[in-house]
Amino acid sequence: MIEQIYTAGKIISNHWGYDQTNIDFYKITKRKGNFVTLEPLKSIEKSDGALTMTGTTIPGAPKPAGKIIRRKVHTRDGKESGIAVESYGWASLWDGQPEHYSSYG
């Protein structure tokens, strides 16, 4: 039996983008079998400086009009490996540390 690490209450970070790194955070609100229910969270960003387009971000409060979604937890080599939130990007458990992002404008 595979150990479930994606459980209710955990936060995941979804990394995606082309020529930049976007990060979206979600809170797992429910787990049933191989599926989780995700609530989108606001991102709290801290810029590296006025002239840069990089910085760090951490999860904040739930988005007021955020769409609750249900996604499958994927496994690899007998372990839970992540969640494909969209057709792009890959989400894994947030380790509690600020995530690095980059943007254009």
N, C-alpha and C. Protein backbone atom coordinates (compact mmCIF):
# COMPACT_ATOMS: atom_id res chain seq x y z
N MET A 1 0.84 -1.18 0.00
CA MET A 1 0.00 0.00 0.00
C MET A 1 0.89 1.26 0.00
N ILE A 2 0.51 2.21 -0.80
CA ILE A 2 1.27 3.45 -0.94
C ILE A 2 0.91 4.41 0.19
N GLU A 3 1.94 4.99 0.83
CA GLU A 3 1.71 5.96 1.90
C GLU A 3 1.13 7.24 1.30
N GLN A 4 0.02 7.71 1.88
CA GLN A 4 -0.61 8.94 1.42
C GLN A 4 0.06 10.15 2.07
N ILE A 5 0.71 10.98 1.23
CA ILE A 5 1.33 12.19 1.76
C ILE A 5 0.54 13.44 1.38
N TYR A 6 -0.33 13.32 0.39
CA TYR A 6 -1.20 14.43 -0.02
C TYR A 6 -2.53 14.28 0.71
N THR A 7 -2.61 14.86 1.89
CA THR A 7 -3.78 14.69 2.76
C THR A 7 -4.40 16.05 3.09
N ALA A 8 -5.62 16.00 3.60
CA ALA A 8 -6.35 17.22 3.95
C ALA A 8 -5.53 18.09 4.90
N GLY A 9 -5.53 19.40 4.60
CA GLY A 9 -4.80 20.37 5.41
C GLY A 9 -3.44 20.74 4.86
N LYS A 10 -2.87 19.90 3.98
CA LYS A 10 -1.56 20.19 3.39
C LYS A 10 -1.70 21.24 2.28
N ILE A 11 -0.61 21.96 2.04
CA ILE A 11 -0.57 22.97 0.99
C ILE A 11 0.37 22.48 -0.10
N ILE A 12 -0.06 22.68 -1.36
CA ILE A 12 0.78 22.32 -2.50
C ILE A 12 1.12 23.59 -3.28
N SER A 13 2.26 23.55 -3.96
CA SER A 13 2.65 24.66 -4.83
C SER A 13 2.76 24.14 -6.26
N ASN A 14 2.14 24.87 -7.17
CA ASN A 14 2.10 24.51 -8.59
C ASN A 14 3.01 25.46 -9.37
N HIS A 15 4.06 24.93 -9.97
CA HIS A 15 5.03 25.72 -10.73
C HIS A 15 4.73 25.59 -12.22
N TRP A 16 4.68 26.72 -12.91
CA TRP A 16 4.41 26.68 -14.35
C TRP A 16 4.89 27.97 -15.01
N GLY A 17 4.99 27.96 -16.32
CA GLY A 17 5.34 29.15 -17.08
C GLY A 17 6.37 28.88 -18.15
N TYR A 18 6.42 29.79 -19.10
CA TYR A 18 7.38 29.72 -20.20
C TYR A 18 8.21 31.00 -20.13
N ASP A 19 9.51 30.88 -19.99
CA ASP A 19 10.42 32.01 -19.82
C ASP A 19 10.17 32.80 -18.53
N GLN A 20 9.43 32.24 -17.65
CA GLN A 20 9.20 32.82 -16.32
C GLN A 20 8.68 31.71 -15.43
N THR A 21 8.69 31.92 -14.13
CA THR A 21 8.21 30.91 -13.21
C THR A 21 7.03 31.48 -12.42
N ASN A 22 5.86 30.95 -12.68
CA ASN A 22 4.66 31.31 -11.95
C ASN A 22 4.41 30.25 -10.88
N ILE A 23 3.87 30.67 -9.75
CA ILE A 23 3.59 29.74 -8.67
C ILE A 23 2.19 29.99 -8.13
N ASP A 24 1.39 28.94 -8.11
CA ASP A 24 0.05 29.00 -7.52
C ASP A 24 0.03 28.05 -6.34
N PHE A 25 -0.64 28.47 -5.27
CA PHE A 25 -0.76 27.63 -4.08
C PHE A 25 -2.20 27.14 -3.93
N TYR A 26 -2.33 25.93 -3.40
CA TYR A 26 -3.63 25.32 -3.14
C TYR A 26 -3.59 24.61 -1.80
N LYS A 27 -4.72 24.60 -1.12
CA LYS A 27 -4.84 23.83 0.11
C LYS A 27 -5.69 22.60 -0.19
N ILE A 28 -5.22 21.44 0.26
CA ILE A 28 -5.99 20.21 0.11
C ILE A 28 -7.08 20.22 1.19
N THR A 29 -8.33 20.22 0.76
CA THR A 29 -9.42 20.26 1.73
C THR A 29 -10.03 18.89 1.99
N LYS A 30 -9.82 17.96 1.05
CA LYS A 30 -10.40 16.63 1.22
C LYS A 30 -9.63 15.63 0.36
N ARG A 31 -9.57 14.41 0.84
CA ARG A 31 -8.95 13.33 0.07
C ARG A 31 -9.90 12.15 0.06
N LYS A 32 -10.15 11.60 -1.12
CA LYS A 32 -10.97 10.39 -1.25
C LYS A 32 -10.31 9.51 -2.30
N GLY A 33 -9.78 8.39 -1.86
CA GLY A 33 -9.07 7.49 -2.76
C GLY A 33 -7.83 8.18 -3.31
N ASN A 34 -7.71 8.19 -4.65
CA ASN A 34 -6.57 8.82 -5.30
C ASN A 34 -6.84 10.27 -5.71
N PHE A 35 -7.92 10.84 -5.22
CA PHE A 35 -8.30 12.19 -5.61
C PHE A 35 -8.32 13.14 -4.42
N VAL A 36 -7.93 14.41 -4.70
CA VAL A 36 -7.96 15.45 -3.67
C VAL A 36 -8.83 16.61 -4.16
N THR A 37 -9.41 17.33 -3.21
CA THR A 37 -10.14 18.55 -3.50
C THR A 37 -9.23 19.70 -3.10
N LEU A 38 -9.05 20.66 -4.02
CA LEU A 38 -8.11 21.76 -3.83
C LEU A 38 -8.81 23.10 -3.77
N GLU A 39 -8.41 23.92 -2.81
CA GLU A 39 -8.91 25.28 -2.67
C GLU A 39 -7.77 26.24 -3.03
N PRO A 40 -7.96 27.14 -4.02
CA PRO A 40 -6.89 28.05 -4.38
C PRO A 40 -6.62 29.08 -3.28
N LEU A 41 -5.34 29.39 -3.09
CA LEU A 41 -4.93 30.36 -2.08
C LEU A 41 -4.30 31.59 -2.76
N LYS A 42 -4.41 32.72 -2.10
CA LYS A 42 -3.72 33.93 -2.58
C LYS A 42 -2.22 33.72 -2.40
N SER A 43 -1.44 34.43 -3.21
CA SER A 43 0.01 34.42 -3.06
C SER A 43 0.45 35.74 -2.46
N ILE A 44 1.34 35.67 -1.48
CA ILE A 44 1.92 36.87 -0.89
C ILE A 44 3.33 36.99 -1.45
N GLU A 45 3.51 37.98 -2.32
CA GLU A 45 4.79 38.13 -3.02
C GLU A 45 5.67 39.21 -2.39
N LYS A 46 6.96 38.95 -2.42
CA LYS A 46 7.96 39.90 -1.95
C LYS A 46 8.99 40.04 -3.06
N SER A 47 9.03 41.22 -3.69
CA SER A 47 9.94 41.48 -4.80
C SER A 47 11.38 41.54 -4.32
N ASP A 48 12.29 41.14 -5.21
CA ASP A 48 13.72 41.25 -4.90
C ASP A 48 14.22 42.69 -4.99
N GLY A 49 13.41 43.59 -5.55
CA GLY A 49 13.80 44.99 -5.68
C GLY A 49 12.99 45.69 -6.73
N ALA A 50 13.05 47.01 -6.75
CA ALA A 50 12.23 47.81 -7.66
C ALA A 50 12.51 47.54 -9.13
N LEU A 51 13.74 47.23 -9.48
CA LEU A 51 14.09 47.06 -10.88
C LEU A 51 14.17 45.60 -11.32
N THR A 52 13.77 44.70 -10.46
CA THR A 52 13.81 43.28 -10.82
C THR A 52 12.40 42.75 -11.05
N MET A 53 12.31 41.64 -11.72
CA MET A 53 11.03 40.98 -11.94
C MET A 53 11.06 39.59 -11.30
N THR A 54 11.74 39.53 -10.16
CA THR A 54 11.86 38.28 -9.43
C THR A 54 11.55 38.53 -7.97
N GLY A 55 11.34 37.46 -7.25
CA GLY A 55 11.09 37.58 -5.83
C GLY A 55 10.71 36.25 -5.24
N THR A 56 10.12 36.31 -4.07
CA THR A 56 9.65 35.10 -3.40
C THR A 56 8.17 35.24 -3.10
N THR A 57 7.53 34.12 -2.91
CA THR A 57 6.10 34.10 -2.61
C THR A 57 5.79 32.98 -1.61
N ILE A 58 4.77 33.23 -0.81
CA ILE A 58 4.26 32.23 0.15
C ILE A 58 2.74 32.21 0.03
N PRO A 59 2.11 31.14 0.47
CA PRO A 59 0.65 31.09 0.40
C PRO A 59 0.00 32.00 1.43
N GLY A 60 -1.16 32.54 1.05
CA GLY A 60 -1.93 33.39 1.93
C GLY A 60 -3.30 32.79 2.20
N ALA A 61 -4.27 33.64 2.39
CA ALA A 61 -5.65 33.23 2.67
C ALA A 61 -6.30 32.66 1.42
N PRO A 62 -7.39 31.94 1.58
CA PRO A 62 -8.12 31.44 0.41
C PRO A 62 -8.56 32.59 -0.49
N LYS A 63 -8.58 32.35 -1.81
CA LYS A 63 -9.06 33.35 -2.75
C LYS A 63 -10.58 33.46 -2.57
N PRO A 64 -11.12 34.68 -2.46
CA PRO A 64 -12.55 34.85 -2.19
C PRO A 64 -13.46 34.17 -3.21
N ALA A 65 -13.12 34.25 -4.48
CA ALA A 65 -13.96 33.64 -5.51
C ALA A 65 -13.23 32.49 -6.18
N GLY A 66 -12.32 31.86 -5.45
CA GLY A 66 -11.53 30.78 -6.01
C GLY A 66 -12.37 29.55 -6.30
N LYS A 67 -12.11 28.94 -7.45
CA LYS A 67 -12.85 27.75 -7.88
C LYS A 67 -12.25 26.50 -7.23
N ILE A 68 -13.06 25.78 -6.48
CA ILE A 68 -12.65 24.51 -5.87
C ILE A 68 -12.54 23.47 -6.99
N ILE A 69 -11.43 22.74 -7.02
CA ILE A 69 -11.22 21.75 -8.07
C ILE A 69 -10.86 20.39 -7.46
N ARG A 70 -11.05 19.35 -8.25
CA ARG A 70 -10.72 17.99 -7.84
C ARG A 70 -9.70 17.44 -8.82
N ARG A 71 -8.60 16.89 -8.28
CA ARG A 71 -7.53 16.38 -9.13
C ARG A 71 -6.99 15.05 -8.59
N LYS A 72 -6.37 14.29 -9.48
CA LYS A 72 -5.80 12.99 -9.13
C LYS A 72 -4.38 13.15 -8.60
N VAL A 73 -4.06 12.37 -7.58
CA VAL A 73 -2.69 12.29 -7.06
C VAL A 73 -1.97 11.22 -7.87
N HIS A 74 -0.83 11.58 -8.45
CA HIS A 74 -0.07 10.66 -9.28
C HIS A 74 0.99 9.93 -8.46
N THR A 75 1.31 8.73 -8.89
CA THR A 75 2.34 7.94 -8.21
C THR A 75 3.44 7.58 -9.21
N ARG A 76 4.62 7.36 -8.64
CA ARG A 76 5.77 6.93 -9.45
C ARG A 76 6.67 6.11 -8.56
N ASP A 77 7.10 4.99 -9.05
CA ASP A 77 7.99 4.09 -8.32
C ASP A 77 7.44 3.76 -6.93
N GLY A 78 6.13 3.55 -6.83
CA GLY A 78 5.52 3.14 -5.58
C GLY A 78 5.33 4.25 -4.55
N LYS A 79 5.51 5.53 -4.96
CA LYS A 79 5.35 6.66 -4.05
C LYS A 79 4.49 7.73 -4.71
N GLU A 80 3.78 8.51 -3.89
CA GLU A 80 3.02 9.63 -4.43
C GLU A 80 4.01 10.69 -4.91
N SER A 81 3.84 11.14 -6.17
CA SER A 81 4.84 12.03 -6.75
C SER A 81 4.35 13.45 -7.01
N GLY A 82 3.05 13.69 -7.06
CA GLY A 82 2.57 15.05 -7.29
C GLY A 82 1.18 15.07 -7.89
N ILE A 83 0.77 16.30 -8.24
CA ILE A 83 -0.58 16.53 -8.76
C ILE A 83 -0.47 17.44 -9.98
N ALA A 84 -1.09 17.04 -11.08
CA ALA A 84 -1.18 17.89 -12.27
C ALA A 84 -2.43 18.75 -12.10
N VAL A 85 -2.25 19.99 -11.65
CA VAL A 85 -3.40 20.86 -11.39
C VAL A 85 -4.04 21.29 -12.70
N GLU A 86 -3.23 21.65 -13.68
CA GLU A 86 -3.68 22.02 -15.02
C GLU A 86 -2.94 21.14 -16.01
N SER A 87 -3.13 21.39 -17.30
CA SER A 87 -2.42 20.60 -18.30
C SER A 87 -0.95 21.01 -18.38
N TYR A 88 -0.61 22.06 -17.69
CA TYR A 88 0.76 22.55 -17.62
C TYR A 88 1.16 22.62 -16.14
N GLY A 89 2.41 22.59 -15.86
CA GLY A 89 2.89 22.69 -14.48
C GLY A 89 2.77 21.39 -13.71
N TRP A 90 3.33 21.40 -12.55
CA TRP A 90 3.34 20.22 -11.68
C TRP A 90 3.34 20.70 -10.24
N ALA A 91 2.44 20.16 -9.44
CA ALA A 91 2.33 20.58 -8.04
C ALA A 91 2.88 19.51 -7.12
N SER A 92 3.56 19.98 -6.09
CA SER A 92 4.07 19.09 -5.06
C SER A 92 3.84 19.74 -3.70
N LEU A 93 4.10 19.00 -2.64
CA LEU A 93 3.89 19.54 -1.30
C LEU A 93 4.77 20.76 -1.07
N TRP A 94 4.19 21.81 -0.49
CA TRP A 94 4.95 23.00 -0.14
C TRP A 94 5.76 22.68 1.11
N ASP A 95 7.04 23.05 1.11
CA ASP A 95 7.93 22.71 2.23
C ASP A 95 7.97 23.78 3.31
N GLY A 96 7.14 24.81 3.19
CA GLY A 96 7.09 25.85 4.22
C GLY A 96 8.06 27.00 3.98
N GLN A 97 8.88 26.88 2.94
CA GLN A 97 9.86 27.92 2.62
C GLN A 97 9.34 28.79 1.47
N PRO A 98 9.74 30.08 1.43
CA PRO A 98 9.33 30.93 0.30
C PRO A 98 9.78 30.32 -1.03
N GLU A 99 8.91 30.41 -2.02
CA GLU A 99 9.20 29.90 -3.38
C GLU A 99 9.68 31.05 -4.24
N HIS A 100 10.60 30.79 -5.15
CA HIS A 100 11.13 31.84 -6.04
C HIS A 100 10.30 31.91 -7.32
N TYR A 101 9.92 33.15 -7.70
CA TYR A 101 9.17 33.36 -8.92
C TYR A 101 9.90 34.37 -9.81
N SER A 102 9.51 34.42 -11.07
CA SER A 102 9.98 35.45 -11.98
C SER A 102 8.80 35.84 -12.87
N SER A 103 8.82 37.08 -13.38
CA SER A 103 7.69 37.53 -14.19
C SER A 103 8.13 38.57 -15.20
N TYR A 104 7.24 38.88 -16.11
CA TYR A 104 7.45 39.95 -17.09
C TYR A 104 6.36 40.97 -16.89
N GLY A 105 6.67 42.06 -16.24
CA GLY A 105 5.70 43.15 -16.03
C GLY A 105 4.89 42.92 -14.87
